[in-house]
Amino acid sequence: MESAVTLEDHIAAIRQMAANRPYMDLDRVGIYGSSGGGFATAHALIDFPDFFKVGVASAGNHEQRAYLSTWGGIYHGPFGEVDYDKVFAGRNAEMLQGRLLLAHGELDDNVHPAGTMRLVDALIKAGKQFDMLIMPNVHHGISGDPYFQRRLQNYFIRHLRGADLPSDSDLVPAGGYE
């Protein structure tokens, strides 16, 4: 398979739900994922630009050749039997239309940040606008970081609703970080 599995199923399910839920706006669909979900999020915005409008991809294993061979082997097929260039979302970087935030912890001990940088390079070469957040001293669990959570929430509110969270003053929890 050449992109993230089940995205077509997600699109079909969202469309089916929206058919009898008038409050769902199919012109403002966002997606978020971390790790393998970050991989899927980048694919969603690049491979399905007419459907997904905003995405936040954190700690994404975008480059399978730089990640655990077992993950790529299970979800895409064994290296050598699968063209991993076709698995890389950056192969179609020119298709990006929506708003994409790529986030990664500098000290990620599971997915190396270089995989995200390869996607960044492809987006730059395609002349695409995107946002990026590299968090120092953060490991693979970036999604649990309070600062990241606030940025994630505000990204969707800003780009899907055209609003902002009331204040950034509560980005640091009471007592600060340890």
N, C-alpha and C. Protein backbone atom coordinates (compact mmCIF):
# COMPACT_ATOMS: atom_id res chain seq x y z
N MET A 1 0.84 -1.17 0.00
CA MET A 1 0.00 0.00 0.00
C MET A 1 0.88 1.23 0.00
N GLU A 2 0.40 2.29 -0.60
CA GLU A 2 1.25 3.44 -0.82
C GLU A 2 0.94 4.61 0.09
N SER A 3 -0.08 4.56 0.90
CA SER A 3 -0.34 5.63 1.86
C SER A 3 -0.84 5.00 3.15
N ALA A 4 -1.34 5.83 4.03
CA ALA A 4 -1.83 5.33 5.32
C ALA A 4 -3.13 4.56 5.11
N VAL A 5 -3.20 3.39 5.70
CA VAL A 5 -4.38 2.56 5.55
C VAL A 5 -5.56 3.19 6.28
N THR A 6 -6.71 2.88 5.87
CA THR A 6 -7.99 3.25 6.45
C THR A 6 -8.41 4.70 6.26
N LEU A 7 -7.62 5.55 5.63
CA LEU A 7 -8.05 6.94 5.44
C LEU A 7 -9.31 7.00 4.58
N GLU A 8 -9.40 6.15 3.58
CA GLU A 8 -10.61 6.11 2.76
C GLU A 8 -11.82 5.72 3.61
N ASP A 9 -11.62 4.78 4.55
CA ASP A 9 -12.70 4.37 5.45
C ASP A 9 -13.10 5.52 6.38
N HIS A 10 -12.12 6.27 6.86
CA HIS A 10 -12.42 7.42 7.71
C HIS A 10 -13.26 8.45 6.94
N ILE A 11 -12.88 8.72 5.71
CA ILE A 11 -13.62 9.68 4.90
C ILE A 11 -15.05 9.20 4.68
N ALA A 12 -15.21 7.94 4.34
CA ALA A 12 -16.55 7.38 4.12
C ALA A 12 -17.39 7.46 5.39
N ALA A 13 -16.79 7.14 6.53
CA ALA A 13 -17.53 7.18 7.79
C ALA A 13 -17.94 8.61 8.15
N ILE A 14 -17.04 9.55 7.96
CA ILE A 14 -17.36 10.95 8.27
C ILE A 14 -18.49 11.44 7.36
N ARG A 15 -18.41 11.11 6.08
CA ARG A 15 -19.48 11.51 5.16
C ARG A 15 -20.81 10.87 5.54
N GLN A 16 -20.76 9.61 5.94
CA GLN A 16 -21.99 8.91 6.33
C GLN A 16 -22.58 9.55 7.60
N MET A 17 -21.74 9.87 8.56
CA MET A 17 -22.24 10.52 9.78
C MET A 17 -22.82 11.89 9.48
N ALA A 18 -22.16 12.65 8.59
CA ALA A 18 -22.62 14.00 8.28
C ALA A 18 -23.97 14.00 7.55
N ALA A 19 -24.31 12.89 6.91
CA ALA A 19 -25.57 12.82 6.16
C ALA A 19 -26.79 13.06 7.04
N ASN A 20 -26.72 12.67 8.32
CA ASN A 20 -27.86 12.91 9.21
C ASN A 20 -27.48 13.72 10.45
N ARG A 21 -26.39 14.46 10.35
CA ARG A 21 -25.97 15.36 11.42
C ARG A 21 -25.65 16.71 10.79
N PRO A 22 -26.64 17.58 10.70
CA PRO A 22 -26.46 18.84 9.99
C PRO A 22 -25.41 19.76 10.61
N TYR A 23 -25.05 19.52 11.84
CA TYR A 23 -24.03 20.35 12.50
C TYR A 23 -22.61 19.99 12.05
N MET A 24 -22.45 18.89 11.35
CA MET A 24 -21.12 18.53 10.85
C MET A 24 -20.86 19.27 9.54
N ASP A 25 -19.72 19.94 9.48
CA ASP A 25 -19.35 20.73 8.31
C ASP A 25 -18.22 20.02 7.57
N LEU A 26 -18.53 19.42 6.44
CA LEU A 26 -17.54 18.67 5.68
C LEU A 26 -16.52 19.57 4.97
N ASP A 27 -16.72 20.88 5.05
CA ASP A 27 -15.73 21.80 4.51
C ASP A 27 -14.68 22.18 5.55
N ARG A 28 -14.85 21.67 6.77
CA ARG A 28 -13.90 21.97 7.84
C ARG A 28 -13.57 20.69 8.62
N VAL A 29 -12.85 19.79 7.96
CA VAL A 29 -12.48 18.52 8.59
C VAL A 29 -11.00 18.57 8.96
N GLY A 30 -10.72 18.29 10.23
CA GLY A 30 -9.35 18.25 10.71
C GLY A 30 -8.98 16.85 11.16
N ILE A 31 -7.68 16.63 11.26
CA ILE A 31 -7.17 15.32 11.67
C ILE A 31 -5.91 15.53 12.50
N TYR A 32 -5.76 14.70 13.52
CA TYR A 32 -4.56 14.74 14.36
C TYR A 32 -4.08 13.32 14.61
N GLY A 33 -2.77 13.16 14.65
CA GLY A 33 -2.20 11.89 15.02
C GLY A 33 -0.76 12.05 15.46
N SER A 34 -0.31 11.11 16.27
CA SER A 34 1.05 11.10 16.75
C SER A 34 1.68 9.75 16.42
N SER A 35 2.96 9.75 16.13
CA SER A 35 3.71 8.57 15.75
C SER A 35 3.15 8.02 14.43
N GLY A 36 2.62 6.80 14.43
CA GLY A 36 1.99 6.28 13.22
C GLY A 36 0.81 7.14 12.81
N GLY A 37 0.14 7.73 13.79
CA GLY A 37 -0.96 8.66 13.50
C GLY A 37 -0.46 9.94 12.87
N GLY A 38 0.76 10.36 13.21
CA GLY A 38 1.37 11.52 12.56
C GLY A 38 1.66 11.21 11.09
N PHE A 39 2.13 10.01 10.85
CA PHE A 39 2.35 9.51 9.48
C PHE A 39 1.03 9.59 8.71
N ALA A 40 -0.06 9.08 9.32
CA ALA A 40 -1.38 9.08 8.67
C ALA A 40 -1.90 10.50 8.45
N THR A 41 -1.66 11.38 9.41
CA THR A 41 -2.13 12.76 9.29
C THR A 41 -1.48 13.46 8.10
N ALA A 42 -0.18 13.32 7.95
CA ALA A 42 0.51 13.92 6.80
C ALA A 42 -0.06 13.36 5.51
N HIS A 43 -0.27 12.05 5.46
CA HIS A 43 -0.86 11.45 4.26
C HIS A 43 -2.27 11.98 4.02
N ALA A 44 -3.05 12.16 5.08
CA ALA A 44 -4.42 12.65 4.91
C ALA A 44 -4.43 14.00 4.20
N LEU A 45 -3.59 14.92 4.65
CA LEU A 45 -3.59 16.25 4.03
C LEU A 45 -2.99 16.26 2.65
N ILE A 46 -2.03 15.40 2.41
CA ILE A 46 -1.35 15.38 1.11
C ILE A 46 -2.09 14.51 0.10
N ASP A 47 -2.58 13.36 0.53
CA ASP A 47 -3.23 12.43 -0.40
C ASP A 47 -4.73 12.70 -0.59
N PHE A 48 -5.34 13.40 0.35
CA PHE A 48 -6.77 13.71 0.27
C PHE A 48 -7.01 15.19 0.55
N PRO A 49 -6.39 16.07 -0.24
CA PRO A 49 -6.44 17.51 0.04
C PRO A 49 -7.83 18.13 -0.12
N ASP A 50 -8.71 17.47 -0.86
CA ASP A 50 -10.06 18.01 -1.02
C ASP A 50 -10.94 17.71 0.18
N PHE A 51 -10.51 16.81 1.04
CA PHE A 51 -11.34 16.44 2.19
C PHE A 51 -10.78 17.00 3.50
N PHE A 52 -9.52 16.72 3.80
CA PHE A 52 -8.92 17.16 5.06
C PHE A 52 -8.35 18.56 4.88
N LYS A 53 -8.75 19.48 5.75
CA LYS A 53 -8.36 20.89 5.62
C LYS A 53 -7.27 21.30 6.60
N VAL A 54 -7.23 20.67 7.77
CA VAL A 54 -6.26 21.03 8.81
C VAL A 54 -5.76 19.75 9.45
N GLY A 55 -4.45 19.69 9.70
CA GLY A 55 -3.89 18.53 10.36
C GLY A 55 -2.71 18.89 11.23
N VAL A 56 -2.58 18.14 12.32
CA VAL A 56 -1.42 18.26 13.20
C VAL A 56 -0.81 16.87 13.29
N ALA A 57 0.44 16.76 12.83
CA ALA A 57 1.16 15.49 12.82
C ALA A 57 2.33 15.61 13.79
N SER A 58 2.25 14.88 14.90
CA SER A 58 3.35 14.93 15.88
C SER A 58 4.10 13.61 15.89
N ALA A 59 5.41 13.70 16.04
CA ALA A 59 6.29 12.53 16.16
C ALA A 59 6.06 11.52 15.04
N GLY A 60 5.74 12.00 13.87
CA GLY A 60 5.40 11.11 12.75
C GLY A 60 6.58 10.33 12.22
N ASN A 61 6.36 9.05 11.99
CA ASN A 61 7.39 8.21 11.38
C ASN A 61 7.23 8.29 9.86
N HIS A 62 7.51 9.46 9.31
CA HIS A 62 7.28 9.75 7.90
C HIS A 62 8.23 8.99 6.97
N GLU A 63 9.40 8.67 7.45
CA GLU A 63 10.41 8.00 6.61
C GLU A 63 10.63 6.58 7.15
N GLN A 64 10.02 5.61 6.48
CA GLN A 64 10.07 4.23 6.97
C GLN A 64 11.47 3.62 6.94
N ARG A 65 12.32 4.12 6.07
CA ARG A 65 13.68 3.59 6.01
C ARG A 65 14.51 4.03 7.22
N ALA A 66 14.02 5.00 7.96
CA ALA A 66 14.72 5.47 9.15
C ALA A 66 13.99 5.07 10.41
N TYR A 67 13.07 4.14 10.30
CA TYR A 67 12.28 3.72 11.46
C TYR A 67 12.42 2.21 11.65
N LEU A 68 11.77 1.69 12.66
CA LEU A 68 11.83 0.26 12.98
C LEU A 68 11.32 -0.56 11.80
N SER A 69 12.12 -1.49 11.35
CA SER A 69 11.74 -2.28 10.19
C SER A 69 10.48 -3.09 10.43
N THR A 70 10.23 -3.46 11.68
CA THR A 70 9.02 -4.25 11.95
C THR A 70 7.75 -3.46 11.68
N TRP A 71 7.76 -2.17 11.99
CA TRP A 71 6.56 -1.35 11.76
C TRP A 71 6.29 -1.25 10.26
N GLY A 72 7.30 -0.85 9.51
CA GLY A 72 7.12 -0.77 8.06
C GLY A 72 6.77 -2.10 7.45
N GLY A 73 7.41 -3.16 7.93
CA GLY A 73 7.15 -4.49 7.40
C GLY A 73 5.72 -4.94 7.65
N ILE A 74 5.18 -4.64 8.82
CA ILE A 74 3.81 -5.03 9.15
C ILE A 74 2.80 -4.24 8.34
N TYR A 75 2.99 -2.91 8.26
CA TYR A 75 1.97 -2.06 7.65
C TYR A 75 2.15 -1.78 6.17
N HIS A 76 3.35 -2.00 5.64
CA HIS A 76 3.58 -1.69 4.24
C HIS A 76 4.16 -2.86 3.45
N GLY A 77 4.83 -3.74 4.14
CA GLY A 77 5.50 -4.85 3.47
C GLY A 77 6.99 -4.76 3.71
N PRO A 78 7.70 -5.86 3.54
CA PRO A 78 9.13 -5.89 3.82
C PRO A 78 9.94 -4.96 2.93
N PHE A 79 10.93 -4.32 3.54
CA PHE A 79 11.86 -3.49 2.78
C PHE A 79 12.51 -4.37 1.72
N GLY A 80 12.62 -3.88 0.54
CA GLY A 80 13.16 -4.66 -0.58
C GLY A 80 12.05 -5.21 -1.46
N GLU A 81 10.87 -5.47 -0.85
CA GLU A 81 9.72 -5.92 -1.63
C GLU A 81 8.75 -4.78 -1.89
N VAL A 82 8.90 -3.70 -1.13
CA VAL A 82 8.03 -2.54 -1.24
C VAL A 82 8.89 -1.33 -1.59
N ASP A 83 8.41 -0.50 -2.48
CA ASP A 83 9.11 0.73 -2.81
C ASP A 83 8.75 1.76 -1.75
N TYR A 84 9.65 1.94 -0.78
CA TYR A 84 9.35 2.84 0.34
C TYR A 84 9.30 4.30 -0.07
N ASP A 85 9.77 4.65 -1.27
CA ASP A 85 9.54 6.00 -1.78
C ASP A 85 8.05 6.25 -1.97
N LYS A 86 7.29 5.21 -2.35
CA LYS A 86 5.86 5.36 -2.54
C LYS A 86 5.11 5.47 -1.22
N VAL A 87 5.72 5.03 -0.12
CA VAL A 87 5.11 5.10 1.20
C VAL A 87 5.30 6.49 1.81
N PHE A 88 6.29 7.22 1.33
CA PHE A 88 6.66 8.52 1.87
C PHE A 88 5.68 9.60 1.40
N ALA A 89 5.04 10.29 2.35
CA ALA A 89 4.05 11.32 2.02
C ALA A 89 4.65 12.44 1.18
N GLY A 90 5.93 12.71 1.35
CA GLY A 90 6.58 13.79 0.62
C GLY A 90 6.65 13.57 -0.88
N ARG A 91 6.38 12.34 -1.33
CA ARG A 91 6.43 12.06 -2.77
C ARG A 91 5.40 12.90 -3.52
N ASN A 92 4.32 13.29 -2.84
CA ASN A 92 3.26 14.10 -3.44
C ASN A 92 3.12 15.43 -2.72
N ALA A 93 4.21 15.96 -2.20
CA ALA A 93 4.17 17.19 -1.40
C ALA A 93 3.44 18.33 -2.11
N GLU A 94 3.53 18.38 -3.41
CA GLU A 94 2.89 19.46 -4.17
C GLU A 94 1.37 19.43 -4.05
N MET A 95 0.79 18.33 -3.55
CA MET A 95 -0.66 18.21 -3.40
C MET A 95 -1.20 18.90 -2.15
N LEU A 96 -0.32 19.23 -1.21
CA LEU A 96 -0.78 19.85 0.05
C LEU A 96 -1.53 21.15 -0.25
N GLN A 97 -2.73 21.26 0.32
CA GLN A 97 -3.54 22.48 0.17
C GLN A 97 -3.91 23.06 1.53
N GLY A 98 -4.16 22.21 2.50
CA GLY A 98 -4.64 22.67 3.79
C GLY A 98 -3.53 23.16 4.70
N ARG A 99 -3.88 23.34 5.95
CA ARG A 99 -2.95 23.80 6.97
C ARG A 99 -2.38 22.59 7.69
N LEU A 100 -1.06 22.48 7.73
CA LEU A 100 -0.39 21.35 8.36
C LEU A 100 0.63 21.84 9.36
N LEU A 101 0.52 21.35 10.59
CA LEU A 101 1.52 21.59 11.62
C LEU A 101 2.28 20.29 11.85
N LEU A 102 3.58 20.33 11.62
CA LEU A 102 4.45 19.19 11.91
C LEU A 102 5.15 19.49 13.23
N ALA A 103 5.04 18.58 14.19
CA ALA A 103 5.65 18.77 15.51
C ALA A 103 6.48 17.54 15.85
N HIS A 104 7.60 17.78 16.51
CA HIS A 104 8.46 16.67 16.90
C HIS A 104 9.26 17.07 18.13
N GLY A 105 9.47 16.11 19.01
CA GLY A 105 10.36 16.32 20.15
C GLY A 105 11.80 16.14 19.70
N GLU A 106 12.64 17.06 20.12
CA GLU A 106 14.05 17.03 19.73
C GLU A 106 14.74 15.75 20.19
N LEU A 107 14.31 15.21 21.32
CA LEU A 107 14.96 14.02 21.89
C LEU A 107 14.12 12.76 21.71
N ASP A 108 13.32 12.72 20.65
CA ASP A 108 12.47 11.55 20.42
C ASP A 108 13.34 10.31 20.35
N ASP A 109 13.05 9.37 21.24
CA ASP A 109 13.84 8.14 21.34
C ASP A 109 13.15 6.96 20.65
N ASN A 110 12.12 7.25 19.87
CA ASN A 110 11.42 6.22 19.13
C ASN A 110 11.46 6.53 17.63
N VAL A 111 10.98 7.69 17.25
CA VAL A 111 10.98 8.11 15.86
C VAL A 111 11.97 9.27 15.72
N HIS A 112 13.01 9.07 14.96
CA HIS A 112 14.03 10.10 14.83
C HIS A 112 13.46 11.33 14.11
N PRO A 113 13.74 12.53 14.63
CA PRO A 113 13.25 13.76 14.00
C PRO A 113 13.69 13.94 12.54
N ALA A 114 14.74 13.24 12.12
CA ALA A 114 15.20 13.36 10.74
C ALA A 114 14.12 12.93 9.74
N GLY A 115 13.24 12.01 10.13
CA GLY A 115 12.15 11.60 9.25
C GLY A 115 11.19 12.75 8.99
N THR A 116 10.90 13.53 10.03
CA THR A 116 10.06 14.71 9.85
C THR A 116 10.79 15.74 8.99
N MET A 117 12.09 15.88 9.19
CA MET A 117 12.86 16.85 8.41
C MET A 117 12.89 16.46 6.93
N ARG A 118 12.84 15.18 6.64
CA ARG A 118 12.78 14.77 5.22
C ARG A 118 11.46 15.23 4.60
N LEU A 119 10.36 15.11 5.37
CA LEU A 119 9.08 15.60 4.88
C LEU A 119 9.12 17.12 4.74
N VAL A 120 9.71 17.80 5.71
CA VAL A 120 9.86 19.26 5.64
C VAL A 120 10.61 19.64 4.36
N ASP A 121 11.68 18.95 4.07
CA ASP A 121 12.47 19.22 2.87
C ASP A 121 11.62 19.07 1.60
N ALA A 122 10.81 18.03 1.55
CA ALA A 122 9.95 17.81 0.38
C ALA A 122 8.92 18.93 0.24
N LEU A 123 8.34 19.36 1.35
CA LEU A 123 7.35 20.44 1.31
C LEU A 123 7.98 21.75 0.88
N ILE A 124 9.19 22.03 1.37
CA ILE A 124 9.90 23.25 0.97
C ILE A 124 10.20 23.21 -0.52
N LYS A 125 10.71 22.08 -1.00
CA LYS A 125 11.03 21.95 -2.42
C LYS A 125 9.79 22.10 -3.30
N ALA A 126 8.62 21.74 -2.76
CA ALA A 126 7.36 21.89 -3.50
C ALA A 126 6.78 23.29 -3.34
N GLY A 127 7.44 24.13 -2.55
CA GLY A 127 6.97 25.50 -2.34
C GLY A 127 5.71 25.59 -1.51
N LYS A 128 5.51 24.64 -0.60
CA LYS A 128 4.29 24.60 0.20
C LYS A 128 4.45 25.31 1.55
N GLN A 129 3.38 25.93 1.98
CA GLN A 129 3.32 26.57 3.30
C GLN A 129 2.92 25.51 4.32
N PHE A 130 3.58 25.52 5.46
CA PHE A 130 3.24 24.62 6.56
C PHE A 130 3.80 25.25 7.83
N ASP A 131 3.44 24.69 8.95
CA ASP A 131 3.95 25.16 10.24
C ASP A 131 4.73 24.04 10.89
N MET A 132 5.68 24.42 11.74
CA MET A 132 6.52 23.41 12.37
C MET A 132 6.82 23.82 13.80
N LEU A 133 6.85 22.82 14.67
CA LEU A 133 7.19 23.02 16.07
C LEU A 133 8.16 21.92 16.48
N ILE A 134 9.38 22.31 16.82
CA ILE A 134 10.35 21.36 17.38
C ILE A 134 10.49 21.71 18.85
N MET A 135 10.20 20.75 19.72
CA MET A 135 10.23 21.00 21.17
C MET A 135 11.50 20.43 21.78
N PRO A 136 12.35 21.29 22.35
CA PRO A 136 13.57 20.81 22.99
C PRO A 136 13.26 19.99 24.24
N ASN A 137 14.13 19.03 24.50
CA ASN A 137 14.04 18.19 25.70
C ASN A 137 12.75 17.38 25.78
N VAL A 138 12.11 17.13 24.66
CA VAL A 138 10.86 16.35 24.62
C VAL A 138 11.14 15.06 23.85
N HIS A 139 10.66 13.95 24.42
CA HIS A 139 10.84 12.63 23.82
C HIS A 139 9.64 12.29 22.94
N HIS A 140 9.41 11.02 22.70
CA HIS A 140 8.35 10.57 21.80
C HIS A 140 6.95 10.91 22.31
N GLY A 141 6.80 11.09 23.60
CA GLY A 141 5.50 11.39 24.18
C GLY A 141 5.10 12.84 24.07
N ILE A 142 5.41 13.49 22.99
CA ILE A 142 5.10 14.91 22.79
C ILE A 142 3.62 15.19 22.99
N SER A 143 2.76 14.25 22.63
CA SER A 143 1.31 14.48 22.71
C SER A 143 0.83 14.69 24.15
N GLY A 144 1.60 14.26 25.13
CA GLY A 144 1.22 14.46 26.52
C GLY A 144 1.75 15.75 27.12
N ASP A 145 2.51 16.51 26.37
CA ASP A 145 3.09 17.75 26.88
C ASP A 145 2.03 18.86 26.89
N PRO A 146 1.85 19.56 28.03
CA PRO A 146 0.81 20.59 28.12
C PRO A 146 0.98 21.73 27.10
N TYR A 147 2.22 22.13 26.84
CA TYR A 147 2.44 23.19 25.85
C TYR A 147 1.99 22.72 24.47
N PHE A 148 2.37 21.50 24.11
CA PHE A 148 1.96 20.97 22.81
C PHE A 148 0.44 20.84 22.73
N GLN A 149 -0.19 20.36 23.79
CA GLN A 149 -1.64 20.20 23.78
C GLN A 149 -2.35 21.53 23.52
N ARG A 150 -1.83 22.59 24.14
CA ARG A 150 -2.43 23.92 23.93
C ARG A 150 -2.22 24.37 22.48
N ARG A 151 -1.03 24.15 21.93
CA ARG A 151 -0.77 24.52 20.54
C ARG A 151 -1.66 23.73 19.59
N LEU A 152 -1.84 22.44 19.87
CA LEU A 152 -2.71 21.58 19.07
C LEU A 152 -4.14 22.12 19.07
N GLN A 153 -4.67 22.39 20.25
CA GLN A 153 -6.04 22.91 20.36
C GLN A 153 -6.19 24.22 19.60
N ASN A 154 -5.24 25.12 19.82
CA ASN A 154 -5.34 26.43 19.19
C ASN A 154 -5.20 26.34 17.67
N TYR A 155 -4.42 25.38 17.18
CA TYR A 155 -4.25 25.22 15.74
C TYR A 155 -5.58 24.89 15.07
N PHE A 156 -6.32 23.98 15.66
CA PHE A 156 -7.62 23.61 15.10
C PHE A 156 -8.64 24.74 15.26
N ILE A 157 -8.66 25.36 16.41
CA ILE A 157 -9.62 26.45 16.62
C ILE A 157 -9.33 27.60 15.66
N ARG A 158 -8.06 27.93 15.49
CA ARG A 158 -7.69 29.03 14.60
C ARG A 158 -8.01 28.71 13.14
N HIS A 159 -7.66 27.51 12.69
CA HIS A 159 -7.76 27.22 11.26
C HIS A 159 -9.07 26.57 10.83
N LEU A 160 -9.86 26.10 11.77
CA LEU A 160 -11.17 25.56 11.41
C LEU A 160 -12.31 26.50 11.81
N ARG A 161 -12.08 27.31 12.83
CA ARG A 161 -13.14 28.20 13.30
C ARG A 161 -12.81 29.67 13.12
N GLY A 162 -11.54 29.97 12.84
CA GLY A 162 -11.15 31.36 12.68
C GLY A 162 -11.11 32.12 13.99
N ALA A 163 -10.87 31.42 15.08
CA ALA A 163 -10.84 32.03 16.41
C ALA A 163 -9.55 31.65 17.11
N ASP A 164 -9.34 32.19 18.28
CA ASP A 164 -8.19 31.85 19.11
C ASP A 164 -8.66 31.50 20.50
N LEU A 165 -7.90 30.65 21.17
CA LEU A 165 -8.18 30.39 22.58
C LEU A 165 -8.00 31.71 23.32
N PRO A 166 -8.70 31.91 24.42
CA PRO A 166 -8.70 33.20 25.09
C PRO A 166 -7.32 33.75 25.47
N SER A 167 -6.42 32.88 25.91
CA SER A 167 -5.16 33.38 26.41
C SER A 167 -4.11 32.29 26.36
N ASP A 168 -2.89 32.69 26.12
CA ASP A 168 -1.79 31.74 26.19
C ASP A 168 -1.16 31.73 27.57
N SER A 169 -1.72 32.48 28.49
CA SER A 169 -1.11 32.60 29.81
C SER A 169 -1.10 31.29 30.59
N ASP A 170 -1.95 30.34 30.23
CA ASP A 170 -2.02 29.09 30.98
C ASP A 170 -1.29 27.96 30.28
N LEU A 171 -0.34 28.30 29.41
CA LEU A 171 0.42 27.25 28.73
C LEU A 171 1.31 26.47 29.68
N VAL A 172 1.79 27.12 30.73
CA VAL A 172 2.65 26.46 31.71
C VAL A 172 1.78 26.15 32.92
N PRO A 173 1.71 24.88 33.33
CA PRO A 173 0.87 24.54 34.48
C PRO A 173 1.34 25.23 35.75
N ALA A 174 0.44 25.40 36.69
CA ALA A 174 0.80 26.01 37.97
C ALA A 174 2.01 25.29 38.57
N GLY A 175 2.97 26.02 38.99
CA GLY A 175 4.17 25.42 39.54
C GLY A 175 5.24 25.21 38.49
N GLY A 176 4.92 25.45 37.22
CA GLY A 176 5.90 25.33 36.14
C GLY A 176 6.22 23.89 35.81
N TYR A 177 7.17 23.70 34.94
CA TYR A 177 7.64 22.38 34.56
C TYR A 177 8.68 21.89 35.57
N GLU A 178 8.77 20.60 35.69
CA GLU A 178 9.77 20.04 36.60
C GLU A 178 11.11 19.95 35.93
